[in-house]
Amino acid sequence: MSPPAQKVFDDALALPADARLHLVEQLLASLNLPVSDEIEQMWQQESERRAAELEQGKAQLVDGQAVFNRIRGKYQR
């Protein structure tokens, strides 16, 4: 990563989560990637299903850092 890009990345990490999410959405939109309506609909249904499972107590949130730590521990050599 170039030094200017690294600075932007480091600055972005200092933002609150909602601002980072908004930034990611804007960056992805700037790529002008083709979007399939069918895929978008499927993701929306999946996210609604997952949210319902959380609300019903059928699923629990797991801290992202804990997940990454577990993966690193599993695959470290």
C-alpha atoms as a PDB file:
ATOM      1  CA  MET A   1       0.000   0.000   0.000  1.00  0.00           C
ATOM      2  CA  SER A   2       1.361   3.415  -0.889  1.00  0.00           C
ATOM      3  CA  PRO A   3       2.153   5.828   1.975  1.00  0.00           C
ATOM      4  CA  PRO A   4      -0.776   8.142   1.109  1.00  0.00           C
ATOM      5  CA  ALA A   5      -3.168   5.173   0.974  1.00  0.00           C
ATOM      6  CA  GLN A   6      -1.810   3.876   4.292  1.00  0.00           C
ATOM      7  CA  LYS A   7      -2.438   7.304   5.869  1.00  0.00           C
ATOM      8  CA  VAL A   8      -6.021   7.324   4.583  1.00  0.00           C
ATOM      9  CA  PHE A   9      -6.493   3.781   5.907  1.00  0.00           C
ATOM     10  CA  ASP A  10      -5.064   4.666   9.325  1.00  0.00           C
ATOM     11  CA  ASP A  11      -7.244   7.787   9.510  1.00  0.00           C
ATOM     12  CA  ALA A  12     -10.301   5.762   8.525  1.00  0.00           C
ATOM     13  CA  LEU A  13      -9.654   3.264  11.318  1.00  0.00           C
ATOM     14  CA  ALA A  14      -9.845   6.121  13.812  1.00  0.00           C
ATOM     15  CA  LEU A  15     -13.421   6.901  12.732  1.00  0.00           C
ATOM     16  CA  PRO A  16     -16.446   5.569  14.625  1.00  0.00           C
ATOM     17  CA  ALA A  17     -17.872   2.324  13.221  1.00  0.00           C
ATOM     18  CA  ASP A  18     -20.875   3.993  11.569  1.00  0.00           C
ATOM     19  CA  ALA A  19     -18.642   6.490   9.760  1.00  0.00           C
ATOM     20  CA  ARG A  20     -16.341   3.670   8.587  1.00  0.00           C
ATOM     21  CA  LEU A  21     -19.344   1.749   7.289  1.00  0.00           C
ATOM     22  CA  HIS A  22     -20.552   4.797   5.391  1.00  0.00           C
ATOM     23  CA  LEU A  23     -17.068   5.268   3.942  1.00  0.00           C
ATOM     24  CA  VAL A  24     -16.902   1.634   2.830  1.00  0.00           C
ATOM     25  CA  GLU A  25     -20.302   1.934   1.157  1.00  0.00           C
ATOM     26  CA  GLN A  26     -19.163   5.045  -0.706  1.00  0.00           C
ATOM     27  CA  LEU A  27     -15.898   3.438  -1.794  1.00  0.00           C
ATOM     28  CA  LEU A  28     -17.672   0.327  -3.055  1.00  0.00           C
ATOM     29  CA  ALA A  29     -20.233   2.436  -4.909  1.00  0.00           C
ATOM     30  CA  SER A  30     -17.389   4.369  -6.552  1.00  0.00           C
ATOM     31  CA  LEU A  31     -16.178   1.141  -8.186  1.00  0.00           C
ATOM     32  CA  ASN A  32     -19.370   0.963 -10.259  1.00  0.00           C
ATOM     33  CA  LEU A  33     -19.559  -2.793  -9.885  1.00  0.00           C
ATOM     34  CA  PRO A  34     -22.511  -4.485 -11.548  1.00  0.00           C
ATOM     35  CA  VAL A  35     -25.197  -5.348  -9.025  1.00  0.00           C
ATOM     36  CA  SER A  36     -27.702  -8.095  -9.551  1.00  0.00           C
ATOM     37  CA  ASP A  37     -31.184  -7.346  -8.221  1.00  0.00           C
ATOM     38  CA  GLU A  38     -31.572 -11.046  -7.465  1.00  0.00           C
ATOM     39  CA  ILE A  39     -28.389 -11.118  -5.378  1.00  0.00           C
ATOM     40  CA  GLU A  40     -29.382  -7.932  -3.542  1.00  0.00           C
ATOM     41  CA  GLN A  41     -32.784  -9.454  -2.729  1.00  0.00           C
ATOM     42  CA  MET A  42     -31.159 -12.653  -1.477  1.00  0.00           C
ATOM     43  CA  TRP A  43     -28.788 -10.691   0.801  1.00  0.00           C
ATOM     44  CA  GLN A  44     -31.694  -8.667   2.160  1.00  0.00           C
ATOM     45  CA  GLN A  45     -33.638 -11.844   2.946  1.00  0.00           C
ATOM     46  CA  GLU A  46     -30.574 -13.369   4.603  1.00  0.00           C
ATOM     47  CA  SER A  47     -29.927 -10.295   6.734  1.00  0.00           C
ATOM     48  CA  GLU A  48     -33.582 -10.206   7.804  1.00  0.00           C
ATOM     49  CA  ARG A  49     -33.428 -13.915   8.692  1.00  0.00           C
ATOM     50  CA  ARG A  50     -30.296 -13.388  10.760  1.00  0.00           C
ATOM     51  CA  ALA A  51     -31.767 -10.356  12.532  1.00  0.00           C
ATOM     52  CA  ALA A  52     -34.887 -12.366  13.379  1.00  0.00           C
ATOM     53  CA  GLU A  53     -32.750 -15.189  14.824  1.00  0.00           C
ATOM     54  CA  LEU A  54     -30.962 -12.678  17.032  1.00  0.00           C
ATOM     55  CA  GLU A  55     -34.226 -11.154  18.216  1.00  0.00           C
ATOM     56  CA  GLN A  56     -35.669 -14.603  18.965  1.00  0.00           C
ATOM     57  CA  GLY A  57     -32.569 -15.669  20.885  1.00  0.00           C
ATOM     58  CA  LYS A  58     -31.793 -18.443  18.386  1.00  0.00           C
ATOM     59  CA  ALA A  59     -28.392 -16.898  17.621  1.00  0.00           C
ATOM     60  CA  GLN A  60     -25.845 -14.867  19.526  1.00  0.00           C
ATOM     61  CA  LEU A  61     -23.408 -12.229  18.381  1.00  0.00           C
ATOM     62  CA  VAL A  62     -19.725 -13.069  18.583  1.00  0.00           C
ATOM     63  CA  ASP A  63     -17.092 -10.379  18.977  1.00  0.00           C
ATOM     64  CA  GLY A  64     -15.284 -10.014  15.652  1.00  0.00           C
ATOM     65  CA  GLN A  65     -11.863  -9.751  17.258  1.00  0.00           C
ATOM     66  CA  ALA A  66     -12.485 -13.030  19.101  1.00  0.00           C
ATOM     67  CA  VAL A  67     -13.343 -14.706  15.788  1.00  0.00           C
ATOM     68  CA  PHE A  68     -10.186 -13.423  14.105  1.00  0.00           C
ATOM     69  CA  ASN A  69      -8.069 -14.470  17.097  1.00  0.00           C
ATOM     70  CA  ARG A  70      -9.545 -17.969  16.917  1.00  0.00           C
ATOM     71  CA  ILE A  71      -8.837 -18.182  13.170  1.00  0.00           C
ATOM     72  CA  ARG A  72      -5.272 -16.929  13.614  1.00  0.00           C
ATOM     73  CA  GLY A  73      -4.699 -19.454  16.388  1.00  0.00           C
ATOM     74  CA  LYS A  74      -6.059 -22.261  14.264  1.00  0.00           C
ATOM     75  CA  TYR A  75      -3.978 -21.489  11.187  1.00  0.00           C
ATOM     76  CA  GLN A  76      -0.735 -20.132  12.670  1.00  0.00           C
ATOM     77  CA  ARG A  77       2.303 -22.233  11.967  1.00  0.00           C
END
